[in-house]
Amino acid sequence: GSWASRGYDCSGAVSFALHGAGLLQTPLDSTS
């Protein structure tokens, strides 16, 4: 729901790292 979160699930954490690298603009779920 937001890059700033109290906690992260698996795909949220991977998405956060990819976003930090400039490789992803919005979070993806594991299926995506």
PDB file of all heavy atoms in Angstrom:
ATOM      1  N   GLY A   1       0.812  -1.214   0.000  1.00  0.00           N
ATOM      2  CA  GLY A   1       0.000   0.000   0.000  1.00  0.00           C
ATOM      3  C   GLY A   1       0.844   1.263   0.000  1.00  0.00           C
ATOM      4  O   GLY A   1       0.418   2.316  -0.465  1.00  0.00           O
ATOM      5  N   SER A   2       2.052   1.148   0.529  1.00  0.00           N
ATOM      6  CA  SER A   2       2.968   2.283   0.631  1.00  0.00           C
ATOM      7  C   SER A   2       4.380   1.741   0.777  1.00  0.00           C
ATOM      8  O   SER A   2       4.592   0.695   1.389  1.00  0.00           O
ATOM      9  CB  SER A   2       2.604   3.119   1.870  1.00  0.00           C
ATOM     10  OG  SER A   2       3.606   4.070   2.136  1.00  0.00           O
ATOM     11  N   TRP A   3       5.349   2.461   0.230  1.00  0.00           N
ATOM     12  CA  TRP A   3       6.740   2.029   0.412  1.00  0.00           C
ATOM     13  C   TRP A   3       7.123   2.102   1.887  1.00  0.00           C
ATOM     14  O   TRP A   3       7.899   1.288   2.363  1.00  0.00           O
ATOM     15  CB  TRP A   3       7.688   2.882  -0.429  1.00  0.00           C
ATOM     16  CG  TRP A   3       7.544   2.659  -1.904  1.00  0.00           C
ATOM     17  CD1 TRP A   3       7.181   3.588  -2.839  1.00  0.00           C
ATOM     18  CD2 TRP A   3       7.751   1.440  -2.636  1.00  0.00           C
ATOM     19  NE1 TRP A   3       7.138   3.017  -4.085  1.00  0.00           N
ATOM     20  CE2 TRP A   3       7.484   1.702  -3.988  1.00  0.00           C
ATOM     21  CE3 TRP A   3       8.111   0.150  -2.263  1.00  0.00           C
ATOM     22  CZ2 TRP A   3       7.588   0.727  -4.985  1.00  0.00           C
ATOM     23  CZ3 TRP A   3       8.213  -0.822  -3.250  1.00  0.00           C
ATOM     24  CH2 TRP A   3       7.954  -0.529  -4.586  1.00  0.00           C
ATOM     25  N   ALA A   4       6.580   3.070   2.604  1.00  0.00           N
ATOM     26  CA  ALA A   4       6.850   3.199   4.037  1.00  0.00           C
ATOM     27  C   ALA A   4       5.816   2.376   4.790  1.00  0.00           C
ATOM     28  O   ALA A   4       4.636   2.715   4.822  1.00  0.00           O
ATOM     29  CB  ALA A   4       6.775   4.662   4.460  1.00  0.00           C
ATOM     30  N   SER A   5       6.256   1.283   5.391  1.00  0.00           N
ATOM     31  CA  SER A   5       5.344   0.373   6.071  1.00  0.00           C
ATOM     32  C   SER A   5       5.950  -0.077   7.395  1.00  0.00           C
ATOM     33  O   SER A   5       7.167  -0.127   7.543  1.00  0.00           O
ATOM     34  CB  SER A   5       5.088  -0.838   5.162  1.00  0.00           C
ATOM     35  OG  SER A   5       4.163  -1.719   5.725  1.00  0.00           O
ATOM     36  N   ARG A   6       5.087  -0.407   8.345  1.00  0.00           N
ATOM     37  CA  ARG A   6       5.552  -0.926   9.632  1.00  0.00           C
ATOM     38  C   ARG A   6       6.255  -2.268   9.466  1.00  0.00           C
ATOM     39  O   ARG A   6       7.134  -2.619  10.230  1.00  0.00           O
ATOM     40  CB  ARG A   6       4.338  -1.128  10.545  1.00  0.00           C
ATOM     41  CG  ARG A   6       4.338  -0.321  11.763  1.00  0.00           C
ATOM     42  CD  ARG A   6       3.095  -0.500  12.636  1.00  0.00           C
ATOM     43  NE  ARG A   6       1.995  -1.293  12.093  1.00  0.00           N
ATOM     44  CZ  ARG A   6       1.681  -2.520  12.496  1.00  0.00           C
ATOM     45  NH1 ARG A   6       2.383  -3.110  13.423  1.00  0.00           N
ATOM     46  NH2 ARG A   6       0.657  -3.150  11.982  1.00  0.00           N
ATOM     47  N   GLY A   7       5.815  -3.049   8.494  1.00  0.00           N
ATOM     48  CA  GLY A   7       6.378  -4.358   8.205  1.00  0.00           C
ATOM     49  C   GLY A   7       6.177  -4.682   6.737  1.00  0.00           C
ATOM     50  O   GLY A   7       5.448  -3.974   6.031  1.00  0.00           O
ATOM     51  N   TYR A   8       6.800  -5.752   6.287  1.00  0.00           N
ATOM     52  CA  TYR A   8       6.767  -6.117   4.865  1.00  0.00           C
ATOM     53  C   TYR A   8       6.546  -7.611   4.719  1.00  0.00           C
ATOM     54  O   TYR A   8       7.057  -8.398   5.512  1.00  0.00           O
ATOM     55  CB  TYR A   8       8.094  -5.739   4.193  1.00  0.00           C
ATOM     56  CG  TYR A   8       8.306  -4.253   4.156  1.00  0.00           C
ATOM     57  CD1 TYR A   8       8.808  -3.580   5.265  1.00  0.00           C
ATOM     58  CD2 TYR A   8       7.982  -3.510   3.034  1.00  0.00           C
ATOM     59  CE1 TYR A   8       8.979  -2.210   5.255  1.00  0.00           C
ATOM     60  CE2 TYR A   8       8.141  -2.134   3.015  1.00  0.00           C
ATOM     61  CZ  TYR A   8       8.637  -1.487   4.131  1.00  0.00           C
ATOM     62  OH  TYR A   8       8.793  -0.130   4.115  1.00  0.00           O
ATOM     63  N   ASP A   9       5.799  -7.980   3.687  1.00  0.00           N
ATOM     64  CA  ASP A   9       5.722  -9.391   3.346  1.00  0.00           C
ATOM     65  C   ASP A   9       6.823  -9.698   2.341  1.00  0.00           C
ATOM     66  O   ASP A   9       7.640  -8.827   2.023  1.00  0.00           O
ATOM     67  CB  ASP A   9       4.320  -9.776   2.854  1.00  0.00           C
ATOM     68  CG  ASP A   9       3.914  -9.207   1.503  1.00  0.00           C
ATOM     69  OD1 ASP A   9       4.751  -8.593   0.802  1.00  0.00           O
ATOM     70  OD2 ASP A   9       2.736  -9.372   1.132  1.00  0.00           O
ATOM     71  N   CYS A  10       6.866 -10.925   1.855  1.00  0.00           N
ATOM     72  CA  CYS A  10       7.971 -11.345   0.995  1.00  0.00           C
ATOM     73  C   CYS A  10       8.096 -10.491  -0.261  1.00  0.00           C
ATOM     74  O   CYS A  10       9.160  -9.934  -0.553  1.00  0.00           O
ATOM     75  CB  CYS A  10       7.837 -12.821   0.640  1.00  0.00           C
ATOM     76  SG  CYS A  10       6.289 -13.269  -0.210  1.00  0.00           S
ATOM     77  N   SER A  11       7.011 -10.366  -1.008  1.00  0.00           N
ATOM     78  CA  SER A  11       7.081  -9.608  -2.260  1.00  0.00           C
ATOM     79  C   SER A  11       7.198  -8.110  -1.995  1.00  0.00           C
ATOM     80  O   SER A  11       7.811  -7.385  -2.779  1.00  0.00           O
ATOM     81  CB  SER A  11       5.882  -9.918  -3.153  1.00  0.00           C
ATOM     82  OG  SER A  11       4.669  -9.692  -2.463  1.00  0.00           O
ATOM     83  N   GLY A  12       6.650  -7.643  -0.882  1.00  0.00           N
ATOM     84  CA  GLY A  12       6.809  -6.232  -0.511  1.00  0.00           C
ATOM     85  C   GLY A  12       8.269  -5.896  -0.233  1.00  0.00           C
ATOM     86  O   GLY A  12       8.763  -4.842  -0.617  1.00  0.00           O
ATOM     87  N   ALA A  13       8.976  -6.812   0.440  1.00  0.00           N
ATOM     88  CA  ALA A  13      10.397  -6.599   0.742  1.00  0.00           C
ATOM     89  C   ALA A  13      11.253  -6.646  -0.518  1.00  0.00           C
ATOM     90  O   ALA A  13      12.147  -5.817  -0.706  1.00  0.00           O
ATOM     91  CB  ALA A  13      10.883  -7.629   1.754  1.00  0.00           C
ATOM     92  N   VAL A  14      10.975  -7.604  -1.401  1.00  0.00           N
ATOM     93  CA  VAL A  14      11.721  -7.681  -2.664  1.00  0.00           C
ATOM     94  C   VAL A  14      11.426  -6.439  -3.500  1.00  0.00           C
ATOM     95  O   VAL A  14      12.339  -5.827  -4.070  1.00  0.00           O
ATOM     96  CB  VAL A  14      11.390  -8.977  -3.432  1.00  0.00           C
ATOM     97  CG1 VAL A  14      12.003  -8.964  -4.828  1.00  0.00           C
ATOM     98  CG2 VAL A  14      11.883 -10.205  -2.653  1.00  0.00           C
ATOM     99  N   SER A  15      10.159  -6.054  -3.556  1.00  0.00           N
ATOM    100  CA  SER A  15       9.788  -4.845  -4.304  1.00  0.00           C
ATOM    101  C   SER A  15      10.492  -3.614  -3.758  1.00  0.00           C
ATOM    102  O   SER A  15      10.957  -2.759  -4.521  1.00  0.00           O
ATOM    103  CB  SER A  15       8.265  -4.625  -4.236  1.00  0.00           C
ATOM    104  OG  SER A  15       7.561  -5.609  -4.953  1.00  0.00           O
ATOM    105  N   PHE A  16      10.601  -3.506  -2.426  1.00  0.00           N
ATOM    106  CA  PHE A  16      11.261  -2.358  -1.802  1.00  0.00           C
ATOM    107  C   PHE A  16      12.719  -2.262  -2.253  1.00  0.00           C
ATOM    108  O   PHE A  16      13.206  -1.181  -2.588  1.00  0.00           O
ATOM    109  CB  PHE A  16      11.179  -2.465  -0.276  1.00  0.00           C
ATOM    110  CG  PHE A  16      11.630  -1.224   0.433  1.00  0.00           C
ATOM    111  CD1 PHE A  16      10.732  -0.222   0.753  1.00  0.00           C
ATOM    112  CD2 PHE A  16      12.963  -1.044   0.777  1.00  0.00           C
ATOM    113  CE1 PHE A  16      11.148   0.937   1.401  1.00  0.00           C
ATOM    114  CE2 PHE A  16      13.393   0.105   1.425  1.00  0.00           C
ATOM    115  CZ  PHE A  16      12.483   1.104   1.742  1.00  0.00           C
ATOM    116  N   ALA A  17      13.423  -3.386  -2.267  1.00  0.00           N
ATOM    117  CA  ALA A  17      14.824  -3.386  -2.703  1.00  0.00           C
ATOM    118  C   ALA A  17      14.934  -3.001  -4.181  1.00  0.00           C
ATOM    119  O   ALA A  17      15.795  -2.196  -4.562  1.00  0.00           O
ATOM    120  CB  ALA A  17      15.462  -4.751  -2.455  1.00  0.00           C
ATOM    121  N   LEU A  18      14.057  -3.560  -5.005  1.00  0.00           N
ATOM    122  CA  LEU A  18      14.077  -3.225  -6.438  1.00  0.00           C
ATOM    123  C   LEU A  18      13.720  -1.760  -6.669  1.00  0.00           C
ATOM    124  O   LEU A  18      14.291  -1.102  -7.541  1.00  0.00           O
ATOM    125  CB  LEU A  18      13.131  -4.138  -7.215  1.00  0.00           C
ATOM    126  CG  LEU A  18      13.509  -5.621  -7.252  1.00  0.00           C
ATOM    127  CD1 LEU A  18      12.387  -6.432  -7.889  1.00  0.00           C
ATOM    128  CD2 LEU A  18      14.825  -5.826  -7.983  1.00  0.00           C
ATOM    129  N   HIS A  19      12.787  -1.247  -5.897  1.00  0.00           N
ATOM    130  CA  HIS A  19      12.423   0.167  -5.998  1.00  0.00           C
ATOM    131  C   HIS A  19      13.606   1.055  -5.591  1.00  0.00           C
ATOM    132  O   HIS A  19      13.892   2.064  -6.242  1.00  0.00           O
ATOM    133  CB  HIS A  19      11.205   0.458  -5.122  1.00  0.00           C
ATOM    134  CG  HIS A  19      10.824   1.899  -5.086  1.00  0.00           C
ATOM    135  ND1 HIS A  19      10.272   2.549  -6.171  1.00  0.00           N
ATOM    136  CD2 HIS A  19      10.924   2.818  -4.098  1.00  0.00           C
ATOM    137  CE1 HIS A  19      10.053   3.816  -5.844  1.00  0.00           C
ATOM    138  NE2 HIS A  19      10.438   4.000  -4.594  1.00  0.00           N
ATOM    139  N   GLY A  20      14.291   0.671  -4.528  1.00  0.00           N
ATOM    140  CA  GLY A  20      15.467   1.426  -4.084  1.00  0.00           C
ATOM    141  C   GLY A  20      16.543   1.497  -5.154  1.00  0.00           C
ATOM    142  O   GLY A  20      17.299   2.463  -5.223  1.00  0.00           O
ATOM    143  N   ALA A  21      16.589   0.467  -5.994  1.00  0.00           N
ATOM    144  CA  ALA A  21      17.559   0.425  -7.094  1.00  0.00           C
ATOM    145  C   ALA A  21      17.074   1.196  -8.318  1.00  0.00           C
ATOM    146  O   ALA A  21      17.795   1.299  -9.309  1.00  0.00           O
ATOM    147  CB  ALA A  21      17.828  -1.030  -7.482  1.00  0.00           C
ATOM    148  N   GLY A  22      15.841   1.693  -8.264  1.00  0.00           N
ATOM    149  CA  GLY A  22      15.273   2.386  -9.418  1.00  0.00           C
ATOM    150  C   GLY A  22      14.770   1.426 -10.487  1.00  0.00           C
ATOM    151  O   GLY A  22      14.572   1.812 -11.635  1.00  0.00           O
ATOM    152  N   LEU A  23      14.524   0.168 -10.119  1.00  0.00           N
ATOM    153  CA  LEU A  23      14.128  -0.853 -11.086  1.00  0.00           C
ATOM    154  C   LEU A  23      12.641  -1.171 -11.062  1.00  0.00           C
ATOM    155  O   LEU A  23      12.158  -1.931 -11.891  1.00  0.00           O
ATOM    156  CB  LEU A  23      14.925  -2.138 -10.832  1.00  0.00           C
ATOM    157  CG  LEU A  23      16.443  -1.998 -10.926  1.00  0.00           C
ATOM    158  CD1 LEU A  23      17.133  -3.276 -10.454  1.00  0.00           C
ATOM    159  CD2 LEU A  23      16.851  -1.650 -12.353  1.00  0.00           C
ATOM    160  N   LEU A  24      11.908  -0.595 -10.109  1.00  0.00           N
ATOM    161  CA  LEU A  24      10.496  -0.894  -9.963  1.00  0.00           C
ATOM    162  C   LEU A  24       9.790   0.352  -9.438  1.00  0.00           C
ATOM    163  O   LEU A  24      10.268   0.970  -8.486  1.00  0.00           O
ATOM    164  CB  LEU A  24      10.345  -2.053  -8.967  1.00  0.00           C
ATOM    165  CG  LEU A  24       9.028  -2.778  -8.870  1.00  0.00           C
ATOM    166  CD1 LEU A  24       8.677  -3.464 -10.181  1.00  0.00           C
ATOM    167  CD2 LEU A  24       9.111  -3.821  -7.759  1.00  0.00           C
ATOM    168  N   GLN A  25       8.667   0.711 -10.050  1.00  0.00           N
ATOM    169  CA  GLN A  25       7.939   1.909  -9.627  1.00  0.00           C
ATOM    170  C   GLN A  25       6.818   1.612  -8.643  1.00  0.00           C
ATOM    171  O   GLN A  25       6.523   2.426  -7.782  1.00  0.00           O
ATOM    172  CB  GLN A  25       7.375   2.640 -10.848  1.00  0.00           C
ATOM    173  CG  GLN A  25       8.460   3.168 -11.775  1.00  0.00           C
ATOM    174  CD  GLN A  25       9.459   4.046 -11.049  1.00  0.00           C
ATOM    175  OE1 GLN A  25       9.095   4.964 -10.340  1.00  0.00           O
ATOM    176  NE2 GLN A  25      10.740   3.735 -11.206  1.00  0.00           N
ATOM    177  N   THR A  26       6.172   0.458  -8.795  1.00  0.00           N
ATOM    178  CA  THR A  26       5.098   0.063  -7.888  1.00  0.00           C
ATOM    179  C   THR A  26       5.368  -1.354  -7.397  1.00  0.00           C
ATOM    180  O   THR A  26       5.958  -2.162  -8.117  1.00  0.00           O
ATOM    181  CB  THR A  26       3.716   0.114  -8.583  1.00  0.00           C
ATOM    182  OG1 THR A  26       3.748  -0.752  -9.718  1.00  0.00           O
ATOM    183  CG2 THR A  26       3.373   1.517  -9.044  1.00  0.00           C
ATOM    184  N   PRO A  27       4.934  -1.687  -6.188  1.00  0.00           N
ATOM    185  CA  PRO A  27       5.175  -3.026  -5.654  1.00  0.00           C
ATOM    186  C   PRO A  27       4.477  -4.106  -6.481  1.00  0.00           C
ATOM    187  O   PRO A  27       3.402  -3.878  -7.033  1.00  0.00           O
ATOM    188  CB  PRO A  27       4.581  -2.976  -4.246  1.00  0.00           C
ATOM    189  CG  PRO A  27       4.419  -1.539  -3.917  1.00  0.00           C
ATOM    190  CD  PRO A  27       4.243  -0.826  -5.219  1.00  0.00           C
ATOM    191  N   LEU A  28       5.101  -5.258  -6.542  1.00  0.00           N
ATOM    192  CA  LEU A  28       4.520  -6.422  -7.219  1.00  0.00           C
ATOM    193  C   LEU A  28       4.254  -7.506  -6.188  1.00  0.00           C
ATOM    194  O   LEU A  28       5.002  -7.641  -5.216  1.00  0.00           O
ATOM    195  CB  LEU A  28       5.494  -6.980  -8.260  1.00  0.00           C
ATOM    196  CG  LEU A  28       5.891  -6.071  -9.415  1.00  0.00           C
ATOM    197  CD1 LEU A  28       6.951  -6.762 -10.281  1.00  0.00           C
ATOM    198  CD2 LEU A  28       4.681  -5.694 -10.246  1.00  0.00           C
ATOM    199  N   ASP A  29       3.204  -8.304  -6.421  1.00  0.00           N
ATOM    200  CA  ASP A  29       3.018  -9.478  -5.580  1.00  0.00           C
ATOM    201  C   ASP A  29       3.854 -10.620  -6.154  1.00  0.00           C
ATOM    202  O   ASP A  29       4.430 -10.497  -7.233  1.00  0.00           O
ATOM    203  CB  ASP A  29       1.535  -9.841  -5.439  1.00  0.00           C
ATOM    204  CG  ASP A  29       0.871 -10.211  -6.759  1.00  0.00           C
ATOM    205  OD1 ASP A  29       1.570 -10.607  -7.726  1.00  0.00           O
ATOM    206  OD2 ASP A  29      -0.363 -10.114  -6.828  1.00  0.00           O
ATOM    207  N   SER A  30       3.940 -11.716  -5.422  1.00  0.00           N
ATOM    208  CA  SER A  30       4.823 -12.797  -5.857  1.00  0.00           C
ATOM    209  C   SER A  30       4.395 -13.392  -7.194  1.00  0.00           C
ATOM    210  O   SER A  30       5.243 -13.759  -8.014  1.00  0.00           O
ATOM    211  CB  SER A  30       4.921 -13.885  -4.786  1.00  0.00           C
ATOM    212  OG  SER A  30       3.661 -14.452  -4.524  1.00  0.00           O
ATOM    213  N   THR A  31       3.097 -13.468  -7.460  1.00  0.00           N
ATOM    214  CA  THR A  31       2.636 -13.997  -8.744  1.00  0.00           C
ATOM    215  C   THR A  31       3.078 -13.092  -9.887  1.00  0.00           C
ATOM    216  O   THR A  31       3.532 -13.572 -10.929  1.00  0.00           O
ATOM    217  CB  THR A  31       1.101 -14.169  -8.738  1.00  0.00           C
ATOM    218  OG1 THR A  31       0.752 -15.099  -7.699  1.00  0.00           O
ATOM    219  CG2 THR A  31       0.594 -14.683 -10.072  1.00  0.00           C
ATOM    220  N   SER A  32       2.996 -11.790  -9.716  1.00  0.00           N
ATOM    221  CA  SER A  32       3.437 -10.849 -10.754  1.00  0.00           C
ATOM    222  C   SER A  32       4.939 -10.938 -10.982  1.00  0.00           C
ATOM    223  O   SER A  32       5.417 -10.751 -12.102  1.00  0.00           O
ATOM    224  CB  SER A  32       3.063  -9.425 -10.381  1.00  0.00           C
ATOM    225  OG  SER A  32       1.664  -9.287 -10.277  1.00  0.00           O
TER     226      SER A  32
END
